[in-house]
Structure formats: C-alpha cells, structure tokens
C-alpha cells in the first residue's frame, strides 16, 4: 500500500485528535515529552508534532491497535504515515 503525503498528514492529525481523547494515555505523553496541554493544542496541525504523537503511539502495539480500530485504519498505516512526516526518515537505534 502506497501512502501519500496528504494521507500521512491526515493520519497524523487523526492521531493527535485520538490521543487528546485518551484520558489514560494523554498524561503519559505529556509527561514523556514535557509538552503542556497548551503545547498539545498548538501542535495539532504541526506535522512535526503529529510525528511525535505517532512515535509515541508506535511505542506500544496495543496503542497502535486501539488507535487503528478507533479510526478504522489498517494497522500498518501509522508507521507508513510516520515515515512521511518530518523526522520519519531518520534511523532510530534505541
């Protein structure tokens, strides 16, 4: 499946909106990143921020499944979208 830049940005926006509604995960994200709720609102349409949200969701297969099932997405799409957002092409060795 080939993912367009527009699709990647849409998935990024969906990820931010989904995470905002996850009362159990949002505080974990904010604590891990040091972002405030205001930063979260400001970053909603920022592709860099969307990438960081996708990075966070991709840390746990259960979170990926929850996000994809809630949005009706293929389980591979968050990773594919992440690769097209800023910083997604970087290699992470940890």
Protein backbone atom coordinates (compact mmCIF):
# COMPACT_ATOMS: atom_id res chain seq x y z
CA UNK A 1 0.00 0.00 0.00
CA UNK A 2 1.44 3.35 -1.04
CA UNK A 3 0.72 6.28 1.27
CA UNK A 4 0.59 9.86 0.00
CA UNK A 5 1.88 12.87 1.90
CA UNK A 6 -1.71 14.07 2.30
CA UNK A 7 -2.75 10.71 3.78
CA UNK A 8 0.22 10.82 6.16
CA UNK A 9 -0.78 14.27 7.36
CA UNK A 10 -4.39 13.16 7.79
CA UNK A 11 -3.30 10.15 9.86
CA UNK A 12 -1.07 12.47 11.91
CA UNK A 13 -4.00 14.77 12.60
CA UNK A 14 -6.19 11.78 13.48
CA UNK A 15 -3.51 10.55 15.88
CA UNK A 16 -3.35 13.89 17.70
CA UNK A 17 -7.14 14.10 17.95
CA UNK A 18 -7.37 10.49 19.13
CA UNK A 19 -4.67 10.93 21.76
CA UNK A 20 -6.40 14.05 23.07
CA UNK A 21 -9.40 11.90 23.95
CA UNK A 22 -7.40 9.17 25.71
CA UNK A 23 -7.53 10.07 29.40
CA UNK A 24 -5.14 7.25 30.27
CA UNK A 25 -2.52 7.99 27.59
CA UNK A 26 -2.52 11.77 27.24
CA UNK A 27 -0.86 12.35 30.64
CA UNK A 28 1.77 9.73 29.78
CA UNK A 29 2.53 11.53 26.50
CA UNK A 30 2.67 14.93 28.18
CA UNK A 31 4.95 13.60 30.92
CA UNK A 32 7.25 11.81 28.49
CA UNK A 33 7.60 14.78 26.15
CA UNK A 34 7.41 17.66 28.60
CA UNK A 35 4.65 19.19 26.47
CA UNK A 36 1.84 21.07 28.15
CA UNK A 37 -1.83 20.85 27.24
CA UNK A 38 -1.41 24.26 25.56
CA UNK A 39 1.52 22.90 23.50
CA UNK A 40 -0.69 19.97 22.55
CA UNK A 41 -3.44 22.26 21.25
CA UNK A 42 -0.95 24.46 19.40
CA UNK A 43 0.73 21.42 17.81
CA UNK A 44 -2.47 19.95 16.46
CA UNK A 45 -1.76 20.88 12.84
CA UNK A 46 2.05 20.84 13.05
CA UNK A 47 3.49 17.87 11.10
CA UNK A 48 6.49 17.71 13.46
CA UNK A 49 4.16 17.41 16.44
CA UNK A 50 1.98 14.88 14.64
CA UNK A 51 5.12 12.83 14.04
CA UNK A 52 5.96 12.90 17.74
CA UNK A 53 2.44 11.70 18.56
CA UNK A 54 2.77 8.87 16.06
CA UNK A 55 6.18 8.00 17.53
CA UNK A 56 4.51 7.75 20.93
CA UNK A 57 1.61 5.61 19.70
CA UNK A 58 4.04 3.34 17.85
CA UNK A 59 5.83 2.54 21.13
CA UNK A 60 3.16 0.00 22.04
CA UNK A 61 1.33 -2.44 19.77
CA UNK A 62 -1.77 -2.18 21.98
CA UNK A 63 -1.85 1.60 21.45
CA UNK A 64 -1.47 1.11 17.69
CA UNK A 65 -4.37 -1.35 17.74
CA UNK A 66 -6.56 0.97 19.81
CA UNK A 67 -5.85 3.92 17.52
CA UNK A 68 -6.36 1.97 14.30
CA UNK A 69 -9.53 0.29 15.49
CA UNK A 70 -11.00 3.61 16.64
CA UNK A 71 -10.18 5.25 13.30
CA UNK A 72 -10.89 2.25 11.06
CA UNK A 73 -7.29 2.19 9.78
CA UNK A 74 -5.02 -0.62 8.66
CA UNK A 75 -2.52 -1.45 11.44
CA UNK A 76 0.41 -0.67 9.14
CA UNK A 77 -0.77 2.84 8.28
CA UNK A 78 0.56 4.71 11.37
CA UNK A 79 4.11 3.51 10.67
CA UNK A 80 3.81 4.29 6.98
CA UNK A 81 2.43 7.75 7.76
CA UNK A 82 5.17 8.37 10.31
CA UNK A 83 7.82 7.69 7.69
CA UNK A 84 6.47 10.55 5.56
CA UNK A 85 6.20 13.16 8.32
CA UNK A 86 9.20 15.28 9.37
CA UNK A 87 11.85 13.17 11.09
CA UNK A 88 10.26 9.93 9.97
CA UNK A 89 13.11 9.02 7.68
CA UNK A 90 15.65 9.11 10.49
CA UNK A 91 17.04 5.84 11.79
CA UNK A 92 16.35 5.18 15.47
CA UNK A 93 18.76 2.70 17.05
CA UNK A 94 17.23 2.64 20.51
